[in-house]
Amino acid sequence: MKTITLEGDYVDPSNKCRETVQKSYMACVCRVISVDEQLKISVVKLVRLARACGKIVPAGSKCGSKCRILLILYAINFLYISCIFIK
């Protein structure tokens, strides 16, 4: 849970956390996050966790009430990858 808490920096997930995420359909998990849950967890960190575990949430997906952040993360990822290949 430390990985996705609102307070503090992102913390690398434990092996047990990674295993759980890898068995989950993260786009579905994102869709069902309630407003109350968003008061306890960071949706941005949740998306980052999913990505770190190879379970990328598709760009434009609804994740809690913040689907725009996924578009921003997609754009950042695209720019990062583009910069790597341009060099």
Protein backbone atom coordinates (compact mmCIF):
# COMPACT_ATOMS: atom_id res chain seq x y z
CA MET A 1 0.00 0.00 0.00
CA LYS A 2 2.95 2.35 0.55
CA THR A 3 3.47 2.39 -3.20
CA ILE A 4 0.17 4.15 -3.96
CA THR A 5 -0.49 6.28 -0.87
CA LEU A 6 -1.24 9.96 -1.36
CA GLU A 7 1.54 11.10 0.94
CA GLY A 8 5.18 10.95 0.03
CA ASP A 9 7.06 9.79 -3.00
CA TYR A 10 6.40 6.69 -5.05
CA VAL A 11 7.88 3.62 -3.35
CA ASP A 12 8.95 0.61 -5.40
CA PRO A 13 6.43 -2.20 -4.91
CA SER A 14 7.15 -5.37 -2.97
CA ASN A 15 7.30 -8.70 -4.81
CA LYS A 16 3.88 -9.62 -3.42
CA CYS A 17 2.46 -6.34 -4.70
CA ARG A 18 3.98 -6.94 -8.15
CA GLU A 19 2.53 -10.46 -8.29
CA THR A 20 -0.93 -9.15 -7.41
CA VAL A 21 -0.80 -6.41 -10.03
CA GLN A 22 0.45 -8.81 -12.69
CA LYS A 23 -2.58 -11.05 -12.06
CA SER A 24 -5.00 -8.11 -12.29
CA TYR A 25 -6.70 -6.38 -15.18
CA MET A 26 -5.58 -2.88 -14.24
CA ALA A 27 -7.85 -1.00 -16.67
CA CYS A 28 -10.80 -2.60 -14.88
CA VAL A 29 -9.33 -1.84 -11.46
CA CYS A 30 -8.98 1.80 -12.49
CA ARG A 31 -12.58 2.01 -13.68
CA VAL A 32 -14.02 0.92 -10.35
CA ILE A 33 -12.02 3.17 -8.02
CA SER A 34 -14.49 5.11 -5.92
CA VAL A 35 -14.23 8.71 -4.80
CA ASP A 36 -13.66 7.50 -1.23
CA GLU A 37 -10.77 5.31 -2.38
CA GLN A 38 -9.27 8.28 -4.19
CA LEU A 39 -9.03 10.06 -0.85
CA LYS A 40 -6.66 7.29 0.28
CA ILE A 41 -4.67 6.37 -2.82
CA SER A 42 -2.96 8.22 -5.64
CA VAL A 43 -4.40 7.30 -9.03
CA VAL A 44 -1.23 8.62 -10.65
CA LYS A 45 0.88 6.26 -8.53
CA LEU A 46 -1.52 3.40 -9.29
CA VAL A 47 -1.02 3.92 -13.02
CA ARG A 48 2.74 4.09 -12.46
CA LEU A 49 2.60 0.87 -10.45
CA ALA A 50 0.67 -0.88 -13.21
CA ARG A 51 3.22 0.27 -15.74
CA ALA A 52 6.15 -0.86 -13.56
CA CYS A 53 4.56 -4.31 -13.44
CA GLY A 54 4.03 -4.52 -17.19
CA LYS A 55 0.26 -3.96 -16.94
CA ILE A 56 -0.01 -0.65 -18.77
CA VAL A 57 -3.39 1.04 -18.52
CA PRO A 58 -4.37 2.12 -22.06
CA ALA A 59 -4.22 5.84 -22.78
CA GLY A 60 -7.63 7.46 -22.42
CA SER A 61 -8.85 4.89 -19.91
CA LYS A 62 -10.91 6.13 -17.00
CA CYS A 63 -8.98 5.76 -13.79
CA GLY A 64 -10.98 6.99 -10.86
CA SER A 65 -12.19 10.44 -11.79
CA LYS A 66 -8.91 11.39 -13.46
CA CYS A 67 -8.85 9.97 -16.99
CA ARG A 68 -6.95 13.04 -18.24
CA ILE A 69 -3.83 12.04 -16.34
CA LEU A 70 -3.55 8.92 -18.47
CA LEU A 71 -3.45 11.03 -21.60
CA ILE A 72 -0.72 13.15 -20.05
CA LEU A 73 1.27 10.07 -19.05
CA TYR A 74 0.83 8.65 -22.55
CA ALA A 75 2.12 11.89 -24.07
CA ILE A 76 5.12 11.95 -21.72
CA ASN A 77 5.90 8.32 -22.53
CA PHE A 78 5.61 9.03 -26.26
CA LEU A 79 7.99 11.99 -26.00
CA TYR A 80 10.45 9.98 -23.93
CA ILE A 81 10.49 7.10 -26.41
CA SER A 82 10.77 9.53 -29.32
CA CYS A 83 13.80 11.18 -27.71
CA ILE A 84 15.51 7.84 -27.27
CA PHE A 85 15.13 6.91 -30.94
CA ILE A 86 16.07 10.35 -32.24
CA LYS A 87 19.50 10.21 -30.60
